[in-house]
Amino acid sequence: MSADTPLPPLLIAFAAQRRIATGTRDEVLAALRAHPDGASALVFEANTGTRVELDLRPEGSTSAPAADEAPARGVGRPKLGVVAREVTLLPRHWDWLSRQPGGASVALRRLIDEARRNYAERDSVRAAREAAYRVMSLLGSELPGFEEAARSLFAGERARFDSYVSDWPADVARYVRQLAEPGWAGGAAP
């Protein structure tokens, strides 16, 4: 793999609030197929807490899409990774954009890049807290102190958060702490 090729995401699987597998997609699939509770497992992308659906059927048992189900051709420049999307703005916004050098697209890209630089830490804190909450909601919503843990997570109160999740199953607590870790860098809630 070249330096530009991203590594496949690591996945983490939980069954009955216990971590039963961690690894690449194929490694986790094999572990889930072999585990008695594999079919009911919740699988997440390890670094983002995004839920991942895996097809546990044996390889080769999936049906191929029909020829008439070809993907629709999108608008934009797909070979360059450009996808056209709709943006709703007020007339005064369109007027301002039309007066910018390079036009609306250049001005919007410039504004977005500037905002990404200026708010990178805040966005990182928010993303970490949202990832931890996503996983908490799926794995721990019925655990004692869930609501208080969620409040303290978004309030940026690490000690309170740790105290609430400390009574949770060890694998769940470890994972939500791992996801929340970058969220403590920003101190108070963004």
Protein backbone atom coordinates (compact mmCIF):
# COMPACT_ATOMS: atom_id res chain seq x y z
CA MET A 1 0.00 0.00 0.00
CA SER A 2 1.21 3.48 -0.75
CA ALA A 3 1.31 6.25 1.84
CA ASP A 4 -1.81 7.77 0.25
CA THR A 5 -3.88 4.59 0.54
CA PRO A 6 -5.91 4.68 3.74
CA LEU A 7 -5.78 1.63 5.94
CA PRO A 8 -9.05 -0.27 6.28
CA PRO A 9 -10.88 0.78 9.43
CA LEU A 10 -10.62 -1.38 12.50
CA LEU A 11 -13.93 -2.67 13.76
CA ILE A 12 -15.00 -3.60 17.27
CA ALA A 13 -17.90 -5.94 18.04
CA PHE A 14 -19.92 -6.25 21.24
CA ALA A 15 -22.38 -8.92 22.33
CA ALA A 16 -24.15 -8.64 25.67
CA GLN A 17 -21.97 -5.62 26.56
CA ARG A 18 -18.76 -7.62 26.12
CA ARG A 19 -16.19 -7.00 23.41
CA ILE A 20 -16.05 -10.19 21.37
CA ALA A 21 -13.91 -9.10 18.41
CA THR A 22 -11.62 -6.35 17.21
CA GLY A 23 -9.84 -6.17 13.88
CA THR A 24 -10.34 -5.72 10.20
CA ARG A 25 -13.71 -6.37 8.59
CA ASP A 26 -12.74 -9.90 7.59
CA GLU A 27 -11.33 -10.72 11.05
CA VAL A 28 -14.46 -9.45 12.80
CA LEU A 29 -16.72 -11.27 10.34
CA ALA A 30 -14.92 -14.54 11.01
CA ALA A 31 -15.13 -14.01 14.78
CA LEU A 32 -18.84 -13.17 14.63
CA ARG A 33 -19.62 -16.20 12.49
CA ALA A 34 -17.85 -18.40 15.05
CA HIS A 35 -19.37 -16.76 18.14
CA PRO A 36 -22.73 -18.08 19.44
CA ASP A 37 -24.04 -14.51 19.92
CA GLY A 38 -22.44 -13.17 16.74
CA ALA A 39 -25.73 -12.58 14.95
CA SER A 40 -26.91 -10.19 17.66
CA ALA A 41 -23.60 -8.35 18.02
CA LEU A 42 -23.28 -4.60 17.59
CA VAL A 43 -20.32 -3.62 15.42
CA PHE A 44 -18.67 -0.20 15.38
CA GLU A 45 -15.86 1.46 13.50
CA ALA A 46 -13.32 1.49 16.33
CA ASN A 47 -12.07 5.07 15.98
CA THR A 48 -15.35 6.84 15.23
CA GLY A 49 -18.02 4.84 17.03
CA THR A 50 -20.02 4.67 13.81
CA ARG A 51 -22.30 1.63 13.68
CA VAL A 52 -21.41 -0.87 10.97
CA GLU A 53 -23.77 -3.48 9.56
CA LEU A 54 -22.11 -6.73 8.52
CA ASP A 55 -23.64 -9.51 6.47
CA LEU A 56 -22.90 -12.71 8.38
CA ARG A 57 -24.03 -15.00 5.58
CA PRO A 58 -21.24 -17.22 4.24
CA GLU A 59 -19.25 -15.74 1.39
CA GLY A 60 -20.71 -16.39 -2.03
CA SER A 61 -24.30 -16.54 -0.79
CA THR A 62 -25.08 -12.92 -1.63
CA SER A 63 -27.00 -12.27 -4.80
CA ALA A 64 -25.58 -10.02 -7.48
CA PRO A 65 -27.57 -6.93 -8.44
CA ALA A 66 -29.69 -7.23 -11.55
CA ALA A 67 -28.42 -5.65 -14.76
CA ASP A 68 -31.26 -3.10 -14.75
CA GLU A 69 -30.21 -1.89 -11.28
CA ALA A 70 -27.16 -0.01 -12.56
CA PRO A 71 -26.24 2.97 -10.39
CA ALA A 72 -27.60 6.29 -11.58
CA ARG A 73 -25.08 8.72 -12.99
CA GLY A 74 -24.64 11.61 -10.60
CA VAL A 75 -24.21 15.30 -11.25
CA GLY A 76 -20.81 16.87 -10.77
CA ARG A 77 -17.33 15.62 -11.60
CA PRO A 78 -17.27 12.14 -10.03
CA LYS A 79 -13.82 11.28 -11.44
CA LEU A 80 -12.43 14.20 -9.41
CA GLY A 81 -14.51 13.37 -6.36
CA VAL A 82 -16.80 16.36 -6.89
CA VAL A 83 -20.46 15.72 -6.15
CA ALA A 84 -23.10 18.34 -6.81
CA ARG A 85 -25.39 19.06 -3.87
CA GLU A 86 -28.01 21.66 -3.20
CA VAL A 87 -27.31 24.66 -0.99
CA THR A 88 -30.13 26.89 0.22
CA LEU A 89 -29.15 30.49 0.83
CA LEU A 90 -30.95 33.78 1.13
CA PRO A 91 -30.78 36.27 -1.77
CA ARG A 92 -28.30 38.49 0.12
CA HIS A 93 -25.97 35.49 0.47
CA TRP A 94 -26.14 34.71 -3.24
CA ASP A 95 -25.50 38.40 -4.02
CA TRP A 96 -22.40 38.43 -1.83
CA LEU A 97 -21.14 35.15 -3.31
CA SER A 98 -21.62 36.42 -6.86
CA ARG A 99 -19.34 39.40 -6.11
CA GLN A 100 -16.47 37.22 -4.86
CA PRO A 101 -13.43 36.57 -7.04
CA GLY A 102 -13.67 33.15 -8.66
CA GLY A 103 -17.41 32.86 -8.10
CA ALA A 104 -19.58 31.15 -5.54
CA SER A 105 -17.83 27.77 -5.51
CA VAL A 106 -14.39 29.25 -4.91
CA ALA A 107 -15.71 31.56 -2.19
CA LEU A 108 -17.56 28.73 -0.44
CA ARG A 109 -14.52 26.44 -0.55
CA ARG A 110 -12.34 29.25 0.87
CA LEU A 111 -14.85 29.96 3.68
CA ILE A 112 -15.13 26.27 4.55
CA ASP A 113 -11.34 25.77 4.61
CA GLU A 114 -10.96 28.81 6.87
CA ALA A 115 -13.68 27.56 9.23
CA ARG A 116 -12.10 24.11 9.33
CA ARG A 117 -8.78 25.65 10.39
CA ASN A 118 -10.31 28.04 12.93
CA TYR A 119 -12.63 25.51 14.56
CA ALA A 120 -10.58 22.31 14.25
CA GLU A 121 -10.19 21.80 18.00
CA ARG A 122 -13.83 22.58 18.74
CA ASP A 123 -14.97 20.22 15.98
CA SER A 124 -12.66 17.48 17.26
CA VAL A 125 -14.06 17.83 20.78
CA ARG A 126 -17.64 17.73 19.50
CA ALA A 127 -16.94 14.72 17.26
CA ALA A 128 -15.35 12.78 20.14
CA ARG A 129 -18.25 13.49 22.46
CA GLU A 130 -20.82 12.57 19.81
CA ALA A 131 -18.97 9.32 19.03
CA ALA A 132 -18.88 8.34 22.70
CA TYR A 133 -22.57 9.20 23.09
CA ARG A 134 -23.52 7.17 19.99
CA VAL A 135 -21.87 4.08 21.44
CA MET A 136 -23.18 4.76 24.96
CA SER A 137 -26.71 5.00 23.61
CA LEU A 138 -26.50 1.63 21.91
CA LEU A 139 -24.50 -0.29 24.50
CA GLY A 140 -25.31 1.40 27.76
CA SER A 141 -28.63 3.24 27.64
CA GLU A 142 -30.03 0.90 30.30
CA LEU A 143 -26.95 0.97 32.52
CA PRO A 144 -27.03 2.81 35.84
CA GLY A 145 -26.01 6.45 35.55
CA PHE A 146 -26.39 6.60 31.76
CA GLU A 147 -28.20 9.95 31.71
CA GLU A 148 -25.80 11.51 34.19
CA ALA A 149 -22.82 10.15 32.24
CA ALA A 150 -24.22 11.67 29.03
CA ARG A 151 -24.78 15.04 30.72
CA SER A 152 -21.28 15.08 32.15
CA LEU A 153 -19.81 14.03 28.79
CA PHE A 154 -21.35 16.99 26.99
CA ALA A 155 -20.60 19.35 29.88
CA GLY A 156 -16.93 18.40 29.65
CA GLU A 157 -16.84 17.08 33.22
CA ARG A 158 -14.40 14.21 32.91
CA ALA A 159 -14.25 13.21 36.59
CA ARG A 160 -18.05 12.96 36.81
CA PHE A 161 -18.21 11.04 33.53
CA ASP A 162 -15.56 8.57 34.74
CA SER A 163 -17.37 8.08 38.04
CA TYR A 164 -20.63 7.16 36.27
CA VAL A 165 -19.12 4.77 33.72
CA SER A 166 -16.82 3.10 36.27
CA ASP A 167 -19.68 0.79 37.34
CA TRP A 168 -20.43 -0.26 33.77
CA PRO A 169 -19.16 -3.49 32.19
CA ALA A 170 -15.40 -3.09 31.73
CA ASP A 171 -15.38 -3.43 27.93
CA VAL A 172 -18.11 -0.83 27.44
CA ALA A 173 -16.52 1.61 29.90
CA ARG A 174 -13.10 1.21 28.29
CA TYR A 175 -14.46 1.82 24.80
CA VAL A 176 -16.57 4.89 25.61
CA ARG A 177 -13.63 6.37 27.56
CA GLN A 178 -11.40 5.75 24.54
CA LEU A 179 -13.86 7.49 22.23
CA ALA A 180 -14.38 10.40 24.65
CA GLU A 181 -10.66 10.99 25.27
CA PRO A 182 -10.18 13.67 22.55
CA GLY A 183 -13.32 15.38 23.91
CA TRP A 184 -11.60 16.36 27.12
CA ALA A 185 -8.97 18.48 25.35
CA GLY A 186 -11.37 21.36 24.85
CA GLY A 187 -12.43 21.70 28.47
CA ALA A 188 -16.00 23.02 28.59
CA ALA A 189 -18.69 22.10 26.15
CA PRO A 190 -18.22 23.63 22.68
